[in-house]
Amino acid sequence: MDVNRVDQASVKCGESKKTRQEIDFSKVLKERQAAEGGRSQQVGAKQEQGLISLGKVTRQNPNVSSLLVKNPVYKKDCWRILFSQLNRDKPYTRIRPGTEIFLDPKTREVVWGKMRPASETSNAVASSKPPTQANEPNCPTTEKAFSERLVGAVKPYYGKPYGEINCYELLVKGLTNLGVRYQGAGGLGRKLMVMAREQGLPMNAYFNGEGLIAASGSPVYSKTLLSVRSPERQASQVLKEIEPHLAKGQILSFSIHSRGHTGIISREGNTWTLINSGEMDHALNAKDLPKGVGEEALAAEIRNWFEMAKDRRESLRITLGSLSEKKLLTYAEPRTETPKKV
């Protein structure tokens, strides 16, 4: 037997098998490179649109709120961002692990995958939309009706002393009279506690006007002043900025480092007012208690908080927002035809 002789058929068979393996490997490699290229193109496109990466959804960060809470810039506004009109109805439960999440810093819209920011889409179709009528309402009729009902729901408490009802409790009682469940499992109060816990804050951190807006409404105006030097001038400027956006039933919240306050926007004749529980320094009704539930001139109340921030040398944050009846339906209880007895 010739030991140097090799069976040609076996050589061809071996070469054929090796060639198929190389082809298969080459095909897999190309497919993987194409997939990675597609993902990198999507990321590149998102960055070109001016979007900010919040990170990827992983086992350690299983949802978008986890990414926002860990972001040093947006962690304090996590729930305002997620509950905003642009973000509240997005399919977050369908996000796959490994998906990178982006945020539009201008509109604070959250996007991922092949999503396009609403600002980009709206610019593309703006020319095809008819112009908005000047007298068109700023919010749906149902939301306006709800806001006006909120004003009516707190009026039975006028004259109650502050020791019985503070400013936040007044809002809670008004919502309860409208059929919103606040206490217990599934209540709005429990939701606020969960929001605080997820951000590592005290359990009552969102028991204020800002918390109610974040959980069941949307912000209309928000401004933080690091220092107040001219209360009269700065208060007038803020009032000028918010006045075009005011509507009955909105929630207004003031916050300085040492204390906070909240109330409900209303109107008497040509004067914007604030229904609240506290020091009645500028009460519309002379019969109101010096400290309790009443109605004050809004401009004077804003000026008071600017003066307080200056005297205490603290920053001041002002938040104006509207509550959404649609969101509050999550906590709805059977409604009564008349407000509960006080």
C-alpha atoms as a PDB file:
ATOM      1  CA  MET A   1       0.000   0.000   0.000  1.00  0.00           C
ATOM      2  CA  ASP A   2       1.299   3.398  -0.988  1.00  0.00           C
ATOM      3  CA  VAL A   3       1.322   5.399   2.227  1.00  0.00           C
ATOM      4  CA  ASN A   4       1.724   8.657   0.288  1.00  0.00           C
ATOM      5  CA  ARG A   5      -1.427   8.080  -1.739  1.00  0.00           C
ATOM      6  CA  VAL A   6      -4.494  10.013  -0.578  1.00  0.00           C
ATOM      7  CA  ASP A   7      -8.103   9.268  -1.544  1.00  0.00           C
ATOM      8  CA  GLN A   8      -9.177  12.227  -3.731  1.00  0.00           C
ATOM      9  CA  ALA A   9     -12.856  11.699  -2.923  1.00  0.00           C
ATOM     10  CA  SER A  10     -12.203  12.159   0.787  1.00  0.00           C
ATOM     11  CA  VAL A  11     -10.168  15.286   0.069  1.00  0.00           C
ATOM     12  CA  LYS A  12     -13.005  16.783  -1.960  1.00  0.00           C
ATOM     13  CA  CYS A  13     -15.512  15.864   0.743  1.00  0.00           C
ATOM     14  CA  GLY A  14     -13.378  17.521   3.439  1.00  0.00           C
ATOM     15  CA  GLU A  15     -12.839  20.645   1.341  1.00  0.00           C
ATOM     16  CA  SER A  16     -16.555  20.867   0.569  1.00  0.00           C
ATOM     17  CA  LYS A  17     -17.458  20.614   4.283  1.00  0.00           C
ATOM     18  CA  LYS A  18     -14.885  23.254   5.212  1.00  0.00           C
ATOM     19  CA  THR A  19     -16.155  25.575   2.478  1.00  0.00           C
ATOM     20  CA  ARG A  20     -19.770  25.270   3.715  1.00  0.00           C
ATOM     21  CA  GLN A  21     -18.650  26.062   7.272  1.00  0.00           C
ATOM     22  CA  GLU A  22     -16.790  29.143   6.074  1.00  0.00           C
ATOM     23  CA  ILE A  23     -19.826  30.286   4.066  1.00  0.00           C
ATOM     24  CA  ASP A  24     -22.178  29.716   7.015  1.00  0.00           C
ATOM     25  CA  PHE A  25     -19.840  31.571   9.383  1.00  0.00           C
ATOM     26  CA  SER A  26     -19.459  34.405   6.901  1.00  0.00           C
ATOM     27  CA  LYS A  27     -23.247  34.671   6.550  1.00  0.00           C
ATOM     28  CA  VAL A  28     -23.792  34.765  10.324  1.00  0.00           C
ATOM     29  CA  LEU A  29     -21.031  37.363  10.701  1.00  0.00           C
ATOM     30  CA  LYS A  30     -22.547  39.597   8.021  1.00  0.00           C
ATOM     31  CA  GLU A  31     -26.031  39.310   9.570  1.00  0.00           C
ATOM     32  CA  ARG A  32     -24.677  40.208  13.011  1.00  0.00           C
ATOM     33  CA  GLN A  33     -22.681  43.124  11.630  1.00  0.00           C
ATOM     34  CA  ALA A  34     -25.768  44.343   9.765  1.00  0.00           C
ATOM     35  CA  ALA A  35     -27.883  44.156  12.925  1.00  0.00           C
ATOM     36  CA  GLU A  36     -25.253  45.971  14.976  1.00  0.00           C
ATOM     37  CA  GLY A  37     -24.869  48.490  12.193  1.00  0.00           C
ATOM     38  CA  GLY A  38     -28.631  49.096  12.222  1.00  0.00           C
ATOM     39  CA  ARG A  39     -28.597  49.652  15.963  1.00  0.00           C
ATOM     40  CA  SER A  40     -25.609  51.993  15.780  1.00  0.00           C
ATOM     41  CA  GLN A  41     -27.306  53.919  12.957  1.00  0.00           C
ATOM     42  CA  GLN A  42     -30.426  54.322  15.146  1.00  0.00           C
ATOM     43  CA  VAL A  43     -28.299  55.540  18.056  1.00  0.00           C
ATOM     44  CA  GLY A  44     -26.405  57.873  15.730  1.00  0.00           C
ATOM     45  CA  ALA A  45     -29.660  59.214  14.320  1.00  0.00           C
ATOM     46  CA  LYS A  46     -30.999  59.817  17.836  1.00  0.00           C
ATOM     47  CA  GLN A  47     -27.842  61.718  18.771  1.00  0.00           C
ATOM     48  CA  GLU A  48     -28.063  63.793  15.588  1.00  0.00           C
ATOM     49  CA  GLN A  49     -31.615  64.759  16.632  1.00  0.00           C
ATOM     50  CA  GLY A  50     -30.151  66.242  19.817  1.00  0.00           C
ATOM     51  CA  LEU A  51     -31.543  63.522  22.086  1.00  0.00           C
ATOM     52  CA  ILE A  52     -29.908  62.526  25.366  1.00  0.00           C
ATOM     53  CA  SER A  53     -29.283  58.886  26.218  1.00  0.00           C
ATOM     54  CA  LEU A  54     -30.694  57.882  29.606  1.00  0.00           C
ATOM     55  CA  GLY A  55     -29.122  54.417  29.406  1.00  0.00           C
ATOM     56  CA  LYS A  56     -30.347  50.924  28.595  1.00  0.00           C
ATOM     57  CA  VAL A  57     -33.137  48.902  30.177  1.00  0.00           C
ATOM     58  CA  THR A  58     -31.486  46.054  32.091  1.00  0.00           C
ATOM     59  CA  ARG A  59     -32.165  43.763  35.019  1.00  0.00           C
ATOM     60  CA  GLN A  60     -30.743  46.444  37.328  1.00  0.00           C
ATOM     61  CA  ASN A  61     -32.755  49.175  35.581  1.00  0.00           C
ATOM     62  CA  PRO A  62     -35.920  47.349  34.483  1.00  0.00           C
ATOM     63  CA  ASN A  63     -37.951  50.399  33.458  1.00  0.00           C
ATOM     64  CA  VAL A  64     -37.689  53.993  32.284  1.00  0.00           C
ATOM     65  CA  SER A  65     -38.373  55.447  35.725  1.00  0.00           C
ATOM     66  CA  SER A  66     -35.314  53.595  37.066  1.00  0.00           C
ATOM     67  CA  LEU A  67     -33.146  55.323  34.465  1.00  0.00           C
ATOM     68  CA  LEU A  68     -34.657  58.744  35.136  1.00  0.00           C
ATOM     69  CA  VAL A  69     -34.285  58.431  38.914  1.00  0.00           C
ATOM     70  CA  LYS A  70     -30.570  57.731  38.490  1.00  0.00           C
ATOM     71  CA  ASN A  71     -30.057  60.654  36.107  1.00  0.00           C
ATOM     72  CA  PRO A  72     -28.542  63.609  38.023  1.00  0.00           C
ATOM     73  CA  VAL A  73     -30.322  66.184  35.862  1.00  0.00           C
ATOM     74  CA  TYR A  74     -33.818  64.701  35.560  1.00  0.00           C
ATOM     75  CA  LYS A  75     -34.241  62.595  38.730  1.00  0.00           C
ATOM     76  CA  LYS A  76     -36.294  65.245  40.551  1.00  0.00           C
ATOM     77  CA  ASP A  77     -38.671  65.549  37.580  1.00  0.00           C
ATOM     78  CA  CYS A  78     -39.015  61.809  36.934  1.00  0.00           C
ATOM     79  CA  TRP A  79     -42.774  61.574  37.429  1.00  0.00           C
ATOM     80  CA  ARG A  80     -43.538  64.929  35.841  1.00  0.00           C
ATOM     81  CA  ILE A  81     -41.753  63.684  32.714  1.00  0.00           C
ATOM     82  CA  LEU A  82     -43.436  60.270  32.618  1.00  0.00           C
ATOM     83  CA  PHE A  83     -46.921  61.618  33.349  1.00  0.00           C
ATOM     84  CA  SER A  84     -46.671  64.475  30.848  1.00  0.00           C
ATOM     85  CA  GLN A  85     -49.020  64.509  27.859  1.00  0.00           C
ATOM     86  CA  LEU A  86     -46.203  63.449  25.522  1.00  0.00           C
ATOM     87  CA  ASN A  87     -45.204  60.381  27.546  1.00  0.00           C
ATOM     88  CA  ARG A  88     -48.100  59.061  29.629  1.00  0.00           C
ATOM     89  CA  ASP A  89     -49.623  56.758  26.974  1.00  0.00           C
ATOM     90  CA  LYS A  90     -46.438  55.147  25.597  1.00  0.00           C
ATOM     91  CA  PRO A  91     -46.045  51.324  25.541  1.00  0.00           C
ATOM     92  CA  TYR A  92     -43.447  51.063  28.311  1.00  0.00           C
ATOM     93  CA  THR A  93     -44.360  47.445  29.099  1.00  0.00           C
ATOM     94  CA  ARG A  94     -43.218  46.378  25.625  1.00  0.00           C
ATOM     95  CA  ILE A  95     -39.661  47.653  26.016  1.00  0.00           C
ATOM     96  CA  ARG A  96     -37.187  44.784  25.591  1.00  0.00           C
ATOM     97  CA  PRO A  97     -34.080  44.381  27.790  1.00  0.00           C
ATOM     98  CA  GLY A  98     -31.081  46.065  26.206  1.00  0.00           C
ATOM     99  CA  THR A  99     -33.161  48.845  24.610  1.00  0.00           C
ATOM    100  CA  GLU A 100     -31.534  52.263  24.884  1.00  0.00           C
ATOM    101  CA  ILE A 101     -33.848  55.045  26.085  1.00  0.00           C
ATOM    102  CA  PHE A 102     -33.516  58.654  24.905  1.00  0.00           C
ATOM    103  CA  LEU A 103     -34.914  61.976  26.094  1.00  0.00           C
ATOM    104  CA  ASP A 104     -35.574  65.126  24.081  1.00  0.00           C
ATOM    105  CA  PRO A 105     -34.157  67.862  26.375  1.00  0.00           C
ATOM    106  CA  LYS A 106     -36.381  70.521  24.808  1.00  0.00           C
ATOM    107  CA  THR A 107     -39.757  68.794  25.132  1.00  0.00           C
ATOM    108  CA  ARG A 108     -38.746  66.104  27.673  1.00  0.00           C
ATOM    109  CA  GLU A 109     -40.299  63.427  25.465  1.00  0.00           C
ATOM    110  CA  VAL A 110     -39.071  59.857  26.024  1.00  0.00           C
ATOM    111  CA  VAL A 111     -38.335  57.800  22.883  1.00  0.00           C
ATOM    112  CA  TRP A 112     -36.682  54.503  21.983  1.00  0.00           C
ATOM    113  CA  GLY A 113     -36.191  52.196  19.014  1.00  0.00           C
ATOM    114  CA  LYS A 114     -37.621  53.630  15.809  1.00  0.00           C
ATOM    115  CA  MET A 115     -39.718  56.275  17.552  1.00  0.00           C
ATOM    116  CA  ARG A 116     -39.456  59.837  16.314  1.00  0.00           C
ATOM    117  CA  PRO A 117     -39.885  62.782  18.693  1.00  0.00           C
ATOM    118  CA  ALA A 118     -43.269  64.471  18.423  1.00  0.00           C
ATOM    119  CA  SER A 119     -41.524  67.808  17.826  1.00  0.00           C
ATOM    120  CA  GLU A 120     -39.955  66.424  14.647  1.00  0.00           C
ATOM    121  CA  THR A 121     -43.222  64.862  13.472  1.00  0.00           C
ATOM    122  CA  SER A 122     -45.272  67.957  14.235  1.00  0.00           C
ATOM    123  CA  ASN A 123     -42.863  70.147  12.288  1.00  0.00           C
ATOM    124  CA  ALA A 124     -43.218  67.849   9.288  1.00  0.00           C
ATOM    125  CA  VAL A 125     -47.019  67.984   9.239  1.00  0.00           C
ATOM    126  CA  ALA A 126     -47.580  71.513  10.536  1.00  0.00           C
ATOM    127  CA  SER A 127     -48.257  72.889   7.065  1.00  0.00           C
ATOM    128  CA  SER A 128     -51.076  70.385   6.488  1.00  0.00           C
ATOM    129  CA  LYS A 129     -52.984  71.335   9.653  1.00  0.00           C
ATOM    130  CA  PRO A 130     -55.555  74.136   9.656  1.00  0.00           C
ATOM    131  CA  PRO A 131     -54.665  77.130  11.843  1.00  0.00           C
ATOM    132  CA  THR A 132     -55.972  77.053  15.410  1.00  0.00           C
ATOM    133  CA  GLN A 133     -58.791  79.451  16.102  1.00  0.00           C
ATOM    134  CA  ALA A 134     -57.889  82.232  18.512  1.00  0.00           C
ATOM    135  CA  ASN A 135     -60.911  81.536  20.688  1.00  0.00           C
ATOM    136  CA  GLU A 136     -60.320  77.770  20.854  1.00  0.00           C
ATOM    137  CA  PRO A 137     -60.228  76.552  24.492  1.00  0.00           C
ATOM    138  CA  ASN A 138     -56.860  75.545  25.936  1.00  0.00           C
ATOM    139  CA  CYS A 139     -58.204  72.273  27.367  1.00  0.00           C
ATOM    140  CA  PRO A 140     -61.100  69.904  26.637  1.00  0.00           C
ATOM    141  CA  THR A 141     -64.547  70.909  27.862  1.00  0.00           C
ATOM    142  CA  THR A 142     -64.664  67.947  30.247  1.00  0.00           C
ATOM    143  CA  GLU A 143     -61.412  69.007  31.913  1.00  0.00           C
ATOM    144  CA  LYS A 144     -62.700  72.557  32.303  1.00  0.00           C
ATOM    145  CA  ALA A 145     -65.900  71.288  33.846  1.00  0.00           C
ATOM    146  CA  PHE A 146     -63.917  69.121  36.261  1.00  0.00           C
ATOM    147  CA  SER A 147     -61.734  72.065  37.306  1.00  0.00           C
ATOM    148  CA  GLU A 148     -64.771  74.213  38.009  1.00  0.00           C
ATOM    149  CA  ARG A 149     -66.313  71.392  40.036  1.00  0.00           C
ATOM    150  CA  LEU A 150     -63.133  71.263  42.123  1.00  0.00           C
ATOM    151  CA  VAL A 151     -63.592  74.938  43.008  1.00  0.00           C
ATOM    152  CA  GLY A 152     -67.162  74.207  44.088  1.00  0.00           C
ATOM    153  CA  ALA A 153     -66.129  71.083  46.026  1.00  0.00           C
ATOM    154  CA  VAL A 154     -63.939  73.048  48.459  1.00  0.00           C
ATOM    155  CA  LYS A 155     -66.301  75.984  49.061  1.00  0.00           C
ATOM    156  CA  PRO A 156     -68.207  74.181  51.861  1.00  0.00           C
ATOM    157  CA  TYR A 157     -64.994  74.387  53.904  1.00  0.00           C
ATOM    158  CA  TYR A 158     -64.733  78.189  53.803  1.00  0.00           C
ATOM    159  CA  GLY A 159     -64.245  79.513  57.323  1.00  0.00           C
ATOM    160  CA  LYS A 160     -62.833  76.274  58.755  1.00  0.00           C
ATOM    161  CA  PRO A 161     -59.827  76.944  61.021  1.00  0.00           C
ATOM    162  CA  TYR A 162     -56.365  75.930  59.847  1.00  0.00           C
ATOM    163  CA  GLY A 163     -56.079  73.544  62.791  1.00  0.00           C
ATOM    164  CA  GLU A 164     -58.864  71.424  61.258  1.00  0.00           C
ATOM    165  CA  ILE A 165     -57.849  71.653  57.591  1.00  0.00           C
ATOM    166  CA  ASN A 166     -54.430  72.668  56.248  1.00  0.00           C
ATOM    167  CA  CYS A 167     -53.765  73.670  52.645  1.00  0.00           C
ATOM    168  CA  TYR A 168     -53.038  70.150  51.360  1.00  0.00           C
ATOM    169  CA  GLU A 169     -55.923  68.563  53.255  1.00  0.00           C
ATOM    170  CA  LEU A 170     -58.216  71.084  51.589  1.00  0.00           C
ATOM    171  CA  LEU A 171     -57.230  69.735  48.158  1.00  0.00           C
ATOM    172  CA  VAL A 172     -57.692  66.149  49.329  1.00  0.00           C
ATOM    173  CA  LYS A 173     -61.163  66.891  50.705  1.00  0.00           C
ATOM    174  CA  GLY A 174     -62.135  68.618  47.457  1.00  0.00           C
ATOM    175  CA  LEU A 175     -61.016  65.618  45.389  1.00  0.00           C
ATOM    176  CA  THR A 176     -62.737  63.208  47.780  1.00  0.00           C
ATOM    177  CA  ASN A 177     -65.991  65.148  47.361  1.00  0.00           C
ATOM    178  CA  LEU A 178     -65.650  64.637  43.611  1.00  0.00           C
ATOM    179  CA  GLY A 179     -65.422  60.860  44.053  1.00  0.00           C
ATOM    180  CA  VAL A 180     -61.635  60.410  44.037  1.00  0.00           C
ATOM    181  CA  ARG A 181     -60.414  57.646  46.350  1.00  0.00           C
ATOM    182  CA  TYR A 182     -57.438  58.934  48.320  1.00  0.00           C
ATOM    183  CA  GLN A 183     -56.982  56.626  51.306  1.00  0.00           C
ATOM    184  CA  GLY A 184     -56.151  52.918  51.296  1.00  0.00           C
ATOM    185  CA  ALA A 185     -54.865  50.447  48.733  1.00  0.00           C
ATOM    186  CA  GLY A 186     -55.321  51.712  45.183  1.00  0.00           C
ATOM    187  CA  GLY A 187     -55.907  55.266  46.386  1.00  0.00           C
ATOM    188  CA  LEU A 188     -54.211  58.408  45.149  1.00  0.00           C
ATOM    189  CA  GLY A 189     -52.408  58.833  48.473  1.00  0.00           C
ATOM    190  CA  ARG A 190     -50.829  55.382  48.118  1.00  0.00           C
ATOM    191  CA  LYS A 191     -49.659  56.311  44.618  1.00  0.00           C
ATOM    192  CA  LEU A 192     -47.898  59.401  45.986  1.00  0.00           C
ATOM    193  CA  MET A 193     -46.171  57.266  48.629  1.00  0.00           C
ATOM    194  CA  VAL A 194     -44.945  54.810  45.983  1.00  0.00           C
ATOM    195  CA  MET A 195     -43.568  57.674  43.883  1.00  0.00           C
ATOM    196  CA  ALA A 196     -41.615  58.971  46.884  1.00  0.00           C
ATOM    197  CA  ARG A 197     -40.298  55.527  47.830  1.00  0.00           C
ATOM    198  CA  GLU A 198     -39.045  54.852  44.291  1.00  0.00           C
ATOM    199  CA  GLN A 199     -36.985  58.037  44.453  1.00  0.00           C
ATOM    200  CA  GLY A 200     -35.622  57.342  47.915  1.00  0.00           C
ATOM    201  CA  LEU A 201     -37.545  60.253  49.450  1.00  0.00           C
ATOM    202  CA  PRO A 202     -39.593  60.451  52.672  1.00  0.00           C
ATOM    203  CA  MET A 203     -42.999  58.795  52.292  1.00  0.00           C
ATOM    204  CA  ASN A 204     -44.803  62.146  52.531  1.00  0.00           C
ATOM    205  CA  ALA A 205     -42.523  63.951  50.063  1.00  0.00           C
ATOM    206  CA  TYR A 206     -45.294  64.206  47.453  1.00  0.00           C
ATOM    207  CA  PHE A 207     -48.103  65.165  49.821  1.00  0.00           C
ATOM    208  CA  ASN A 208     -48.291  68.610  48.238  1.00  0.00           C
ATOM    209  CA  GLY A 209     -49.589  70.381  45.156  1.00  0.00           C
ATOM    210  CA  GLU A 210     -46.570  69.374  43.074  1.00  0.00           C
ATOM    211  CA  GLY A 211     -47.140  65.716  43.919  1.00  0.00           C
ATOM    212  CA  LEU A 212     -50.805  65.855  42.911  1.00  0.00           C
ATOM    213  CA  ILE A 213     -49.887  67.499  39.601  1.00  0.00           C
ATOM    214  CA  ALA A 214     -47.185  64.893  38.897  1.00  0.00           C
ATOM    215  CA  ALA A 215     -49.439  61.922  39.720  1.00  0.00           C
ATOM    216  CA  SER A 216     -52.772  63.055  38.291  1.00  0.00           C
ATOM    217  CA  GLY A 217     -52.297  66.075  36.074  1.00  0.00           C
ATOM    218  CA  SER A 218     -49.832  67.998  33.986  1.00  0.00           C
ATOM    219  CA  PRO A 219     -47.675  71.059  34.695  1.00  0.00           C
ATOM    220  CA  VAL A 220     -48.644  74.328  33.024  1.00  0.00           C
ATOM    221  CA  TYR A 221     -45.892  76.544  34.400  1.00  0.00           C
ATOM    222  CA  SER A 222     -42.856  75.949  36.585  1.00  0.00           C
ATOM    223  CA  LYS A 223     -40.099  78.293  37.652  1.00  0.00           C
ATOM    224  CA  THR A 224     -37.312  78.188  40.232  1.00  0.00           C
ATOM    225  CA  LEU A 225     -35.625  81.342  41.481  1.00  0.00           C
ATOM    226  CA  LEU A 226     -32.336  80.686  43.253  1.00  0.00           C
ATOM    227  CA  SER A 227     -32.534  84.031  45.024  1.00  0.00           C
ATOM    228  CA  VAL A 228     -35.059  86.835  45.474  1.00  0.00           C
ATOM    229  CA  ARG A 229     -33.740  90.382  45.656  1.00  0.00           C
ATOM    230  CA  SER A 230     -36.673  92.464  44.503  1.00  0.00           C
ATOM    231  CA  PRO A 231     -39.926  90.785  45.637  1.00  0.00           C
ATOM    232  CA  GLU A 232     -42.273  93.371  44.120  1.00  0.00           C
ATOM    233  CA  ARG A 233     -40.645  93.380  40.689  1.00  0.00           C
ATOM    234  CA  GLN A 234     -40.007  89.623  40.483  1.00  0.00           C
ATOM    235  CA  ALA A 235     -43.508  88.744  41.707  1.00  0.00           C
ATOM    236  CA  SER A 236     -45.034  91.050  39.081  1.00  0.00           C
ATOM    237  CA  GLN A 237     -42.919  89.384  36.405  1.00  0.00           C
ATOM    238  CA  VAL A 238     -44.070  85.880  37.394  1.00  0.00           C
ATOM    239  CA  LEU A 239     -47.713  86.973  37.514  1.00  0.00           C
ATOM    240  CA  LYS A 240     -47.313  88.441  34.031  1.00  0.00           C
ATOM    241  CA  GLU A 241     -45.868  85.123  32.815  1.00  0.00           C
ATOM    242  CA  ILE A 242     -48.560  82.867  34.272  1.00  0.00           C
ATOM    243  CA  GLU A 243     -51.628  85.059  33.745  1.00  0.00           C
ATOM    244  CA  PRO A 244     -52.218  83.986  30.106  1.00  0.00           C
ATOM    245  CA  HIS A 245     -52.307  80.349  31.269  1.00  0.00           C
ATOM    246  CA  LEU A 246     -54.549  80.704  34.319  1.00  0.00           C
ATOM    247  CA  ALA A 247     -57.851  78.834  34.600  1.00  0.00           C
ATOM    248  CA  LYS A 248     -60.238  78.084  37.436  1.00  0.00           C
ATOM    249  CA  GLY A 249     -59.487  74.870  39.266  1.00  0.00           C
ATOM    250  CA  GLN A 250     -55.755  74.792  38.561  1.00  0.00           C
ATOM    251  CA  ILE A 251     -53.349  73.899  41.379  1.00  0.00           C
ATOM    252  CA  LEU A 252     -50.722  76.465  42.396  1.00  0.00           C
ATOM    253  CA  SER A 253     -47.824  75.414  44.604  1.00  0.00           C
ATOM    254  CA  PHE A 254     -45.121  77.459  46.360  1.00  0.00           C
ATOM    255  CA  SER A 255     -42.008  75.854  47.803  1.00  0.00           C
ATOM    256  CA  ILE A 256     -39.000  77.232  49.692  1.00  0.00           C
ATOM    257  CA  HIS A 257     -36.482  75.179  51.639  1.00  0.00           C
ATOM    258  CA  SER A 258     -38.198  75.590  54.996  1.00  0.00           C
ATOM    259  CA  ARG A 259     -41.877  75.320  54.002  1.00  0.00           C
ATOM    260  CA  GLY A 260     -44.433  75.013  51.223  1.00  0.00           C
ATOM    261  CA  HIS A 261     -47.991  75.983  50.393  1.00  0.00           C
ATOM    262  CA  THR A 262     -50.651  75.099  47.830  1.00  0.00           C
ATOM    263  CA  GLY A 263     -54.093  76.272  46.741  1.00  0.00           C
ATOM    264  CA  ILE A 264     -56.688  76.308  43.970  1.00  0.00           C
ATOM    265  CA  ILE A 265     -56.939  79.038  41.340  1.00  0.00           C
ATOM    266  CA  SER A 266     -60.328  80.767  41.147  1.00  0.00           C
ATOM    267  CA  ARG A 267     -61.741  84.090  39.993  1.00  0.00           C
ATOM    268  CA  GLU A 268     -63.949  86.804  41.423  1.00  0.00           C
ATOM    269  CA  GLY A 269     -65.030  89.324  38.791  1.00  0.00           C
ATOM    270  CA  ASN A 270     -61.844  90.556  37.129  1.00  0.00           C
ATOM    271  CA  THR A 271     -59.566  89.351  39.938  1.00  0.00           C
ATOM    272  CA  TRP A 272     -57.699  86.043  39.945  1.00  0.00           C
ATOM    273  CA  THR A 273     -57.813  84.476  43.403  1.00  0.00           C
ATOM    274  CA  LEU A 274     -56.330  81.586  45.371  1.00  0.00           C
ATOM    275  CA  ILE A 275     -58.530  79.358  47.534  1.00  0.00           C
ATOM    276  CA  ASN A 276     -56.323  78.010  50.314  1.00  0.00           C
ATOM    277  CA  SER A 277     -55.951  77.362  54.014  1.00  0.00           C
ATOM    278  CA  GLY A 278     -53.444  79.528  55.839  1.00  0.00           C
ATOM    279  CA  GLU A 279     -52.839  83.094  56.943  1.00  0.00           C
ATOM    280  CA  MET A 280     -55.613  85.161  55.362  1.00  0.00           C
ATOM    281  CA  ASP A 281     -53.510  88.304  54.842  1.00  0.00           C
ATOM    282  CA  HIS A 282     -55.420  89.402  51.739  1.00  0.00           C
ATOM    283  CA  ALA A 283     -58.835  87.763  52.178  1.00  0.00           C
ATOM    284  CA  LEU A 284     -61.610  88.846  49.828  1.00  0.00           C
ATOM    285  CA  ASN A 285     -64.175  88.363  52.588  1.00  0.00           C
ATOM    286  CA  ALA A 286     -63.678  90.423  55.716  1.00  0.00           C
ATOM    287  CA  LYS A 287     -65.456  87.726  57.747  1.00  0.00           C
ATOM    288  CA  ASP A 288     -62.761  85.126  56.978  1.00  0.00           C
ATOM    289  CA  LEU A 289     -60.769  83.789  59.916  1.00  0.00           C
ATOM    290  CA  PRO A 290     -57.245  85.223  60.322  1.00  0.00           C
ATOM    291  CA  LYS A 291     -55.928  81.686  59.738  1.00  0.00           C
ATOM    292  CA  GLY A 292     -58.076  79.129  58.000  1.00  0.00           C
ATOM    293  CA  VAL A 293     -59.823  78.314  54.727  1.00  0.00           C
ATOM    294  CA  GLY A 294     -60.619  81.305  52.553  1.00  0.00           C
ATOM    295  CA  GLU A 295     -59.997  83.095  49.288  1.00  0.00           C
ATOM    296  CA  GLU A 296     -57.245  85.653  48.699  1.00  0.00           C
ATOM    297  CA  ALA A 297     -56.106  87.900  45.868  1.00  0.00           C
ATOM    298  CA  LEU A 298     -53.643  85.846  43.826  1.00  0.00           C
ATOM    299  CA  ALA A 299     -51.254  88.708  43.083  1.00  0.00           C
ATOM    300  CA  ALA A 300     -50.889  89.553  46.781  1.00  0.00           C
ATOM    301  CA  GLU A 301     -50.320  85.899  47.729  1.00  0.00           C
ATOM    302  CA  ILE A 302     -47.573  85.520  45.115  1.00  0.00           C
ATOM    303  CA  ARG A 303     -45.922  88.689  46.394  1.00  0.00           C
ATOM    304  CA  ASN A 304     -46.051  87.308  49.964  1.00  0.00           C
ATOM    305  CA  TRP A 305     -44.031  84.260  48.978  1.00  0.00           C
ATOM    306  CA  PHE A 306     -41.423  86.320  47.193  1.00  0.00           C
ATOM    307  CA  GLU A 307     -41.022  88.463  50.303  1.00  0.00           C
ATOM    308  CA  MET A 308     -40.743  85.348  52.480  1.00  0.00           C
ATOM    309  CA  ALA A 309     -38.070  83.838  50.220  1.00  0.00           C
ATOM    310  CA  LYS A 310     -36.064  87.055  50.398  1.00  0.00           C
ATOM    311  CA  ASP A 311     -36.367  87.367  54.197  1.00  0.00           C
ATOM    312  CA  ARG A 312     -35.281  83.742  54.706  1.00  0.00           C
ATOM    313  CA  ARG A 313     -32.654  83.888  51.948  1.00  0.00           C
ATOM    314  CA  GLU A 314     -34.032  80.750  50.340  1.00  0.00           C
ATOM    315  CA  SER A 315     -34.758  79.742  46.752  1.00  0.00           C
ATOM    316  CA  LEU A 316     -38.374  79.759  45.588  1.00  0.00           C
ATOM    317  CA  ARG A 317     -40.094  77.283  43.282  1.00  0.00           C
ATOM    318  CA  ILE A 318     -43.510  78.013  41.786  1.00  0.00           C
ATOM    319  CA  THR A 319     -45.541  75.301  40.038  1.00  0.00           C
ATOM    320  CA  LEU A 320     -48.875  75.722  38.261  1.00  0.00           C
ATOM    321  CA  GLY A 321     -50.674  72.661  36.945  1.00  0.00           C
ATOM    322  CA  SER A 322     -54.017  71.202  35.917  1.00  0.00           C
ATOM    323  CA  LEU A 323     -55.488  67.989  37.260  1.00  0.00           C
ATOM    324  CA  SER A 324     -56.804  65.493  34.727  1.00  0.00           C
ATOM    325  CA  GLU A 325     -60.188  63.888  35.264  1.00  0.00           C
ATOM    326  CA  LYS A 326     -59.098  61.077  32.954  1.00  0.00           C
ATOM    327  CA  LYS A 327     -56.116  60.256  35.176  1.00  0.00           C
ATOM    328  CA  LEU A 328     -58.126  60.627  38.364  1.00  0.00           C
ATOM    329  CA  LEU A 329     -60.630  58.036  37.103  1.00  0.00           C
ATOM    330  CA  THR A 330     -58.011  55.475  38.111  1.00  0.00           C
ATOM    331  CA  TYR A 331     -58.893  56.296  41.708  1.00  0.00           C
ATOM    332  CA  ALA A 332     -62.614  56.862  41.185  1.00  0.00           C
ATOM    333  CA  GLU A 333     -65.272  55.832  43.662  1.00  0.00           C
ATOM    334  CA  PRO A 334     -69.032  55.982  43.048  1.00  0.00           C
ATOM    335  CA  ARG A 335     -69.912  59.678  42.925  1.00  0.00           C
ATOM    336  CA  THR A 336     -72.586  61.333  45.011  1.00  0.00           C
ATOM    337  CA  GLU A 337     -74.807  63.985  43.540  1.00  0.00           C
ATOM    338  CA  THR A 338     -73.986  66.474  46.293  1.00  0.00           C
ATOM    339  CA  PRO A 339     -70.727  67.193  48.138  1.00  0.00           C
ATOM    340  CA  LYS A 340     -70.197  65.376  51.406  1.00  0.00           C
ATOM    341  CA  LYS A 341     -71.377  67.193  54.519  1.00  0.00           C
ATOM    342  CA  VAL A 342     -68.697  69.119  56.361  1.00  0.00           C
END
